[in-house]
Each structure stands twice: as structure tokens, then as C-alpha cells.
Amino acid sequence: MSPPLKPLNQQVIVITGASSGIGLATAQDAARAGARVVLAARSEDVLEAIVATLENGGHEAIAVTADVADRAQVQRIADAAIERFGRIDTWVNVAGNTIYGKLDEVADADSRRLFEVNFWGTVHGSLVALPHLRRHGGALVNIGSEASEVAIPLQGMYSASKHAVKGFTDALRIEVEQVDGAPVSITLIEPTAVNTPLPEHARNYLDKQPKLPSPQLDPHRVAAAILQATTTPTRETKVGMMAVLDVAIEKAVPALADRVAALQVPRQQREEAAHDPIGALHRPGGTGQVYGRGS
């Protein structure tokens, strides 16, 4: 039986990674639809400015500064939501980053940090949210990627972390929905490349400035898929035709998929020197911007 999910304008929604990109687009669109929104990220000043803008527009929102790699900080997100709004109806795990560089050139500390954010941040958010969602019914939405099912050269550790997010989310869905019969909808969202500041925030080992290959989705299109899952029980959604196509090729003819993936190497680099190789992997980097530099 499908869990009861409230209309968006009756929900309290927690969104991690809400200081830029997909997380910010989702927070904006949820608030405009009437939801009360809890925005979480590491960039305190940026979050506060976003919330002030939302409140000036007549929306209800709060900011919680937190690093999702630390479960205690994620617990504080939930505590703040309960203190302010009394419940949590949907929790969306968006926070994430990437590393550009060949796997044998990336430092272990950077690879581990990426997993702490992308994978363990999703685990922490999911497990902190579940007791609240089980209590009254609700939705858990985790952001994977087409890289949850397809490998991307020069972003190998990102691909590995998103594969892990899919494995965790699928197993959790079975345990919660099928074994326990809990009134919780658990969704994995798998977008193709999205025009966000992700490349500018990345840890970069390349000589050139990184970018995402075209075509790129508008982040608000991904936000729409996320918000659809908050009101309609959904197992998984691929966003963008390239996500559907790339995963289909991977499953049908994996050797061909490998050759096609190799062609993405030059398409992930701009013809300009790297700007900020350190990026925001180990430090707050939210910009308050939904969009990146695009193509």
C-alpha cells in the first residue's frame, strides 16, 4: 500500500545542500508551493541570506548550519525542524560534491572526504529522518545521478559514491517499505548533467578548469522531479533523456558504454587554466547560486 503523502502546501520539508544548485532550486520551488522549508548546508551566511529572501517573499523557512558528514550535526537539523515546525514530512538529501582527476592521482584524504559527504551524508540524513517519517508517514528523497549506474572517467570516486548511494537507498527501501511495511516512500533521483556550480566547487586535480558535458539540465527541472516524489510515492526517477539513454546503453552493451564514456574526458574540461583546485570539498563553498557556468 502506498504511504499517505501530504500536498506540498501542507508539508515541512528538510533539504540538505540547500546553499546552491539543486538543493537551492528545490528549496525555492518548495517554498513557492507553500511548503515550510528547513535549509541545511555548511555556509551559514549564505543560508541566512537565502532564508531572509524567502521570508521577505512571505514564505516560512529556517536555516541550519551543518556538515552532513557529521551525524550529530545532521541530528541538529532534525531537532531544529521539530522545534520550529513540530514535524518532518519530507527529507531530501542533496548535499554533495565531486573530484576531477584520475583515480590513481587523487589523494586518499580527498576520496574519503567525498564519501563522507556524498555517501555518509546521505546515510546520516536518511537514518536521522526515518523515525520522524515512520511516525506519521512521509517521503525520503535521495539524490543519486546517472553516475549511480554509469561510470564517469575523471570523476571516478564521484561515480563510486553515487553507486553506493543507490545501493544504500535500494536496500533501505526494501527494508522500510517491504519488510516493515512502514508508511514511508523512499525515492532515488538520478539526473544527467545539471547546470549547477558543482564543477566550481569540486576538488580539481586537472590542469584545466573542469565542467560538465552538455546537454545540461536546468536545476529547477530536477527540483520538479524531487517535489513530485514528495507528494506521489515514487521508487526511482531518471531526469533527462541522456540519463535514460546512458543507463540503457550501460545495461545493454557495457563494452560500448565504456568506449562512449572515454569520449567524455575532453568534454569535462574547459580550454582555460584551473581557477581554484582546492574547491569546497573541505570547506564551505555555497554561493547562493542555482546555476553554474553552464557549457
Foldseek 3Di string as FASTA:
>chain_A
DAFAFDALLPFEEEFEPCLAALNVLLQVVSQVSNYAYEYEEQDVVSQVVSQVVSVVVVGHYDYQHAQLLDLVSLLVSVVVSCVVPNAHAEYEYDWAAFEFDAPVVDDPVLLVLRLSTLASSLVSNCVSRVVRCLVRHHEYEYEAALLLQAAAGRGRSNSVSSVNNVVVQVVVCCCQCPVVVGRYAYEYEYEYAAFIARQQQYQYPDFFRWDHADDHHYSNQSSVVVSVCGRDRDHYYYHDPVSVVLNVCCVPPVVVSVVVSVVCVVRGGDPHGYDDNGGPSPHDDRDSYNGHPGD
